[in-house]
């Protein structure tokens, strides 16, 4: 019985580690209001200023990656806002986002800047 319980707990741990990792995408961090219209225009999205992204923060945030706009969940919006406020960049803030992708929504686990 103890072996069965240990096997069950071990299996749950492995599953939770796999689920925590999820998927990952790299893209340009942008507000949702502008991101949906610029998804197919990555060069224009890269020139989109951080000041504008912050100005439109009430629409939420996401990334443009692979010609598509991926919207963040509430946790991701809070993390993106912190990143945007702390960057010295004027535009083209590229990030790596890890989490679970459901349709065009990312349930964000982590966000980090990339060069």
C-alpha atoms as a PDB file:
ATOM      1  CA  UNK A   1       0.000   0.000   0.000  1.00  0.00           C
ATOM      2  CA  UNK A   2       2.825   2.413   0.860  1.00  0.00           C
ATOM      3  CA  UNK A   3       4.463   1.739  -2.506  1.00  0.00           C
ATOM      4  CA  UNK A   4       1.200   2.516  -4.283  1.00  0.00           C
ATOM      5  CA  UNK A   5       0.815   5.814  -2.397  1.00  0.00           C
ATOM      6  CA  UNK A   6       4.433   6.776  -3.169  1.00  0.00           C
ATOM      7  CA  UNK A   7       3.942   5.911  -6.836  1.00  0.00           C
ATOM      8  CA  UNK A   8       0.775   8.022  -6.941  1.00  0.00           C
ATOM      9  CA  UNK A   9       2.504  10.999  -5.290  1.00  0.00           C
ATOM     10  CA  UNK A  10       5.514  10.672  -7.603  1.00  0.00           C
ATOM     11  CA  UNK A  11       3.240  10.614 -10.635  1.00  0.00           C
ATOM     12  CA  UNK A  12       1.433  13.761  -9.446  1.00  0.00           C
ATOM     13  CA  UNK A  13       4.760  15.541  -8.955  1.00  0.00           C
ATOM     14  CA  UNK A  14       5.946  14.659 -12.455  1.00  0.00           C
ATOM     15  CA  UNK A  15       2.648  15.833 -13.954  1.00  0.00           C
ATOM     16  CA  UNK A  16       2.731  19.110 -12.023  1.00  0.00           C
ATOM     17  CA  UNK A  17       6.316  19.826 -13.149  1.00  0.00           C
ATOM     18  CA  UNK A  18       5.327  19.208 -16.774  1.00  0.00           C
ATOM     19  CA  UNK A  19       2.248  21.403 -16.476  1.00  0.00           C
ATOM     20  CA  UNK A  20       4.168  24.193 -14.768  1.00  0.00           C
ATOM     21  CA  UNK A  21       6.584  24.422 -17.693  1.00  0.00           C
ATOM     22  CA  UNK A  22       3.925  24.609 -20.420  1.00  0.00           C
ATOM     23  CA  UNK A  23       4.850  26.196 -23.727  1.00  0.00           C
ATOM     24  CA  UNK A  24       7.105  29.098 -24.579  1.00  0.00           C
ATOM     25  CA  UNK A  25       7.093  31.877 -27.168  1.00  0.00           C
ATOM     26  CA  UNK A  26       9.362  34.824 -27.918  1.00  0.00           C
ATOM     27  CA  UNK A  27       7.829  38.015 -29.241  1.00  0.00           C
ATOM     28  CA  UNK A  28       7.361  41.753 -28.983  1.00  0.00           C
ATOM     29  CA  UNK A  29       5.585  42.934 -25.845  1.00  0.00           C
ATOM     30  CA  UNK A  30       2.707  45.229 -26.803  1.00  0.00           C
ATOM     31  CA  UNK A  31      -0.689  46.419 -25.593  1.00  0.00           C
ATOM     32  CA  UNK A  32      -3.783  44.547 -26.762  1.00  0.00           C
ATOM     33  CA  UNK A  33      -5.382  47.612 -28.374  1.00  0.00           C
ATOM     34  CA  UNK A  34      -2.503  48.040 -30.828  1.00  0.00           C
ATOM     35  CA  UNK A  35      -1.238  44.458 -30.860  1.00  0.00           C
ATOM     36  CA  UNK A  36      -4.254  42.975 -32.591  1.00  0.00           C
ATOM     37  CA  UNK A  37      -3.871  45.385 -35.514  1.00  0.00           C
ATOM     38  CA  UNK A  38      -0.088  45.003 -35.767  1.00  0.00           C
ATOM     39  CA  UNK A  39       0.116  41.207 -35.491  1.00  0.00           C
ATOM     40  CA  UNK A  40       0.822  40.773 -39.205  1.00  0.00           C
ATOM     41  CA  UNK A  41       3.226  43.741 -39.230  1.00  0.00           C
ATOM     42  CA  UNK A  42       6.135  42.804 -36.944  1.00  0.00           C
ATOM     43  CA  UNK A  43       8.380  45.623 -38.217  1.00  0.00           C
ATOM     44  CA  UNK A  44       5.740  48.211 -37.288  1.00  0.00           C
ATOM     45  CA  UNK A  45       5.116  46.472 -33.975  1.00  0.00           C
ATOM     46  CA  UNK A  46       8.843  46.663 -33.179  1.00  0.00           C
ATOM     47  CA  UNK A  47       8.734  50.443 -33.713  1.00  0.00           C
ATOM     48  CA  UNK A  48       5.701  50.822 -31.439  1.00  0.00           C
ATOM     49  CA  UNK A  49       6.857  52.912 -28.477  1.00  0.00           C
ATOM     50  CA  UNK A  50       6.883  51.774 -24.884  1.00  0.00           C
ATOM     51  CA  UNK A  51       5.168  55.067 -23.997  1.00  0.00           C
ATOM     52  CA  UNK A  52       2.197  54.137 -26.212  1.00  0.00           C
ATOM     53  CA  UNK A  53       2.099  50.598 -24.842  1.00  0.00           C
ATOM     54  CA  UNK A  54       1.874  52.009 -21.309  1.00  0.00           C
ATOM     55  CA  UNK A  55      -0.698  54.601 -22.384  1.00  0.00           C
ATOM     56  CA  UNK A  56      -2.969  51.781 -23.591  1.00  0.00           C
ATOM     57  CA  UNK A  57      -2.364  49.535 -20.557  1.00  0.00           C
ATOM     58  CA  UNK A  58      -6.080  49.290 -19.749  1.00  0.00           C
ATOM     59  CA  UNK A  59      -6.571  47.122 -22.843  1.00  0.00           C
ATOM     60  CA  UNK A  60      -4.162  44.544 -21.404  1.00  0.00           C
ATOM     61  CA  UNK A  61      -0.904  43.231 -22.828  1.00  0.00           C
ATOM     62  CA  UNK A  62       0.385  40.401 -24.944  1.00  0.00           C
ATOM     63  CA  UNK A  63       3.024  39.510 -27.487  1.00  0.00           C
ATOM     64  CA  UNK A  64       3.255  39.405 -31.235  1.00  0.00           C
ATOM     65  CA  UNK A  65       4.892  36.172 -32.301  1.00  0.00           C
ATOM     66  CA  UNK A  66       4.621  34.230 -35.532  1.00  0.00           C
ATOM     67  CA  UNK A  67       2.267  36.764 -37.117  1.00  0.00           C
ATOM     68  CA  UNK A  68      -0.259  36.412 -34.299  1.00  0.00           C
ATOM     69  CA  UNK A  69      -1.200  38.439 -31.220  1.00  0.00           C
ATOM     70  CA  UNK A  70      -1.249  36.394 -28.011  1.00  0.00           C
ATOM     71  CA  UNK A  71      -3.162  38.041 -25.129  1.00  0.00           C
ATOM     72  CA  UNK A  72      -1.980  37.697 -21.499  1.00  0.00           C
ATOM     73  CA  UNK A  73      -4.069  36.660 -18.517  1.00  0.00           C
ATOM     74  CA  UNK A  74      -4.299  38.982 -15.476  1.00  0.00           C
ATOM     75  CA  UNK A  75      -1.082  37.694 -13.928  1.00  0.00           C
ATOM     76  CA  UNK A  76       0.732  38.231 -17.220  1.00  0.00           C
ATOM     77  CA  UNK A  77      -0.697  41.749 -17.488  1.00  0.00           C
ATOM     78  CA  UNK A  78       0.696  42.637 -14.055  1.00  0.00           C
ATOM     79  CA  UNK A  79       4.115  41.168 -14.879  1.00  0.00           C
ATOM     80  CA  UNK A  80       4.216  42.896 -18.271  1.00  0.00           C
ATOM     81  CA  UNK A  81       3.326  46.229 -16.670  1.00  0.00           C
ATOM     82  CA  UNK A  82       6.238  45.879 -14.235  1.00  0.00           C
ATOM     83  CA  UNK A  83       8.623  45.038 -17.089  1.00  0.00           C
ATOM     84  CA  UNK A  84       7.433  47.975 -19.178  1.00  0.00           C
ATOM     85  CA  UNK A  85       7.819  50.419 -16.298  1.00  0.00           C
ATOM     86  CA  UNK A  86      11.355  49.219 -15.557  1.00  0.00           C
ATOM     87  CA  UNK A  87      12.803  49.103 -19.082  1.00  0.00           C
ATOM     88  CA  UNK A  88      15.067  51.777 -20.512  1.00  0.00           C
ATOM     89  CA  UNK A  89      14.121  50.815 -24.068  1.00  0.00           C
ATOM     90  CA  UNK A  90      12.015  53.218 -26.108  1.00  0.00           C
ATOM     91  CA  UNK A  91      10.526  50.480 -28.338  1.00  0.00           C
ATOM     92  CA  UNK A  92      10.947  46.838 -29.405  1.00  0.00           C
ATOM     93  CA  UNK A  93      10.811  45.129 -26.021  1.00  0.00           C
ATOM     94  CA  UNK A  94      11.306  41.440 -26.835  1.00  0.00           C
ATOM     95  CA  UNK A  95      10.288  38.907 -24.229  1.00  0.00           C
ATOM     96  CA  UNK A  96      10.162  35.168 -23.696  1.00  0.00           C
ATOM     97  CA  UNK A  97       6.838  34.058 -22.231  1.00  0.00           C
ATOM     98  CA  UNK A  98       6.266  30.676 -20.675  1.00  0.00           C
ATOM     99  CA  UNK A  99       2.876  29.348 -19.715  1.00  0.00           C
ATOM    100  CA  UNK A 100      -0.193  27.600 -21.050  1.00  0.00           C
ATOM    101  CA  UNK A 101      -1.607  28.650 -24.394  1.00  0.00           C
ATOM    102  CA  UNK A 102      -5.369  28.374 -24.789  1.00  0.00           C
ATOM    103  CA  UNK A 103      -6.573  29.739 -28.111  1.00  0.00           C
ATOM    104  CA  UNK A 104      -5.060  33.222 -28.281  1.00  0.00           C
ATOM    105  CA  UNK A 105      -4.746  33.550 -24.471  1.00  0.00           C
ATOM    106  CA  UNK A 106      -1.545  32.871 -22.545  1.00  0.00           C
ATOM    107  CA  UNK A 107      -1.914  31.865 -18.921  1.00  0.00           C
ATOM    108  CA  UNK A 108       1.465  33.304 -18.064  1.00  0.00           C
ATOM    109  CA  UNK A 109       3.900  31.459 -15.838  1.00  0.00           C
ATOM    110  CA  UNK A 110       6.890  33.693 -16.465  1.00  0.00           C
ATOM    111  CA  UNK A 111       8.044  36.603 -18.599  1.00  0.00           C
ATOM    112  CA  UNK A 112      11.651  37.619 -19.189  1.00  0.00           C
ATOM    113  CA  UNK A 113      13.336  40.033 -21.549  1.00  0.00           C
ATOM    114  CA  UNK A 114      15.553  38.723 -24.346  1.00  0.00           C
ATOM    115  CA  UNK A 115      18.151  40.462 -26.508  1.00  0.00           C
END
